[in-house]
Protein backbone atom coordinates (compact mmCIF):
# COMPACT_ATOMS: atom_id res chain seq x y z
CA MET A 1 127.91 100.19 99.58
CA ALA A 2 124.40 98.90 98.77
CA LYS A 3 121.59 99.70 101.18
CA GLU A 4 120.24 96.64 102.71
CA ILE A 5 116.63 95.80 103.16
CA PRO A 6 115.62 95.55 106.95
CA CYS A 7 115.04 91.92 107.93
CA ASN A 8 111.60 92.28 109.61
CA LYS A 9 109.07 91.70 106.80
CA ILE A 10 105.95 93.74 106.74
CA ASN A 11 102.86 94.20 104.65
CA ILE A 12 101.90 97.33 102.85
CA SER A 13 99.35 98.27 105.48
CA LYS A 14 102.01 98.21 108.11
CA ALA A 15 104.39 100.28 105.86
CA ILE A 16 101.69 102.97 105.43
CA ALA A 17 101.08 103.13 109.22
CA ASN A 18 104.89 103.41 109.97
CA TRP A 19 105.03 106.29 107.35
CA GLU A 20 102.12 108.11 108.85
CA ALA A 21 103.51 107.60 112.42
CA ASP A 22 106.82 109.07 111.53
CA GLU A 23 107.12 112.51 113.11
CA ALA A 24 108.76 113.84 110.00
CA HIS A 25 105.43 113.63 108.18
CA GLN A 26 103.66 115.60 111.02
CA GLY A 27 100.19 114.14 110.76
CA LYS A 28 99.96 113.81 107.06
CA LYS A 29 98.12 110.87 105.46
CA LEU A 30 99.85 108.79 102.90
CA SER A 31 96.51 108.39 101.07
CA ASP A 32 96.64 112.10 100.36
CA GLN A 33 100.02 112.15 98.69
CA GLU A 34 100.57 111.96 94.86
CA GLU A 35 104.14 110.68 95.17
CA VAL A 36 104.63 107.83 97.53
CA ASP A 37 108.08 106.41 98.12
CA LEU A 38 108.19 103.08 100.14
CA VAL A 39 111.61 101.91 98.98
CA PHE A 40 113.71 99.62 101.22
CA LYS A 41 110.84 98.93 103.71
CA ALA A 42 111.05 95.12 103.74
CA ILE A 43 107.48 95.00 102.31
CA ASP A 44 106.58 91.39 101.27
CA ASN A 45 102.84 91.53 100.91
CA LEU A 46 100.76 93.97 99.03
CA ASP A 47 97.50 93.46 100.93
CA THR A 48 94.23 95.53 100.39
CA GLY A 49 95.99 98.46 102.17
CA ILE A 50 97.56 99.40 98.93
CA ASN A 51 94.07 100.36 97.50
CA THR A 52 93.99 103.22 100.20
CA LEU A 53 96.49 105.14 98.10
CA THR A 54 93.80 106.60 95.85
CA ASN A 55 95.40 109.90 95.32
CA CYS A 56 98.73 108.41 94.40
CA ARG A 57 100.01 109.10 90.88
CA PHE A 58 103.72 107.75 91.33
CA LEU A 59 104.29 104.77 93.55
CA SER A 60 107.67 103.51 94.29
CA LEU A 61 108.06 100.03 95.92
CA SER A 62 111.42 99.15 94.56
CA SER A 63 113.87 97.18 96.66
CA ASN A 64 111.55 95.22 98.81
CA LEU A 65 110.55 91.62 99.16
CA ILE A 66 107.37 91.62 97.06
CA VAL A 67 106.72 88.38 95.24
CA ARG A 68 103.15 88.94 93.89
CA ILE A 69 101.14 91.89 92.59
CA PRO A 70 97.49 91.91 93.47
CA GLU A 71 94.65 93.57 91.51
CA LEU A 72 95.15 97.18 91.97
CA ASN A 73 92.42 99.85 92.29
CA LEU A 74 94.38 103.01 92.12
CA PRO A 75 92.55 105.27 89.64
CA ARG A 76 95.07 108.04 89.52
CA LEU A 77 98.30 105.75 89.27
CA GLU A 78 100.51 106.79 86.33
CA ARG A 79 103.88 105.11 87.34
CA LEU A 80 104.55 102.01 89.47
CA SER A 81 108.16 101.22 90.19
CA LEU A 82 108.80 97.54 91.36
CA GLY A 83 112.33 96.88 90.50
CA ARG A 84 114.56 94.87 92.76
CA ASN A 85 111.86 92.78 94.31
CA LYS A 86 111.18 89.07 94.31
CA ILE A 87 108.38 88.99 91.64
CA LYS A 88 108.36 85.76 89.55
């Protein structure tokens, strides 16, 4: 059975805050991570918060609700996964 996307849409800034607030990450900052996995988070908007991920090399945003990709300022980014979104 396929995993379903949560119904409450959020922007990337909220997804980052949620990740950092999760006790499984014990005070880590997502901006320090080289591999960022935000799959199935109901992200619909890539606001300027995405550009805080300056250390990120591999960013997975697959299976969200993203419709548009803004200009990115991620100097270390090598791979961006956006499959199964709503990009036109």
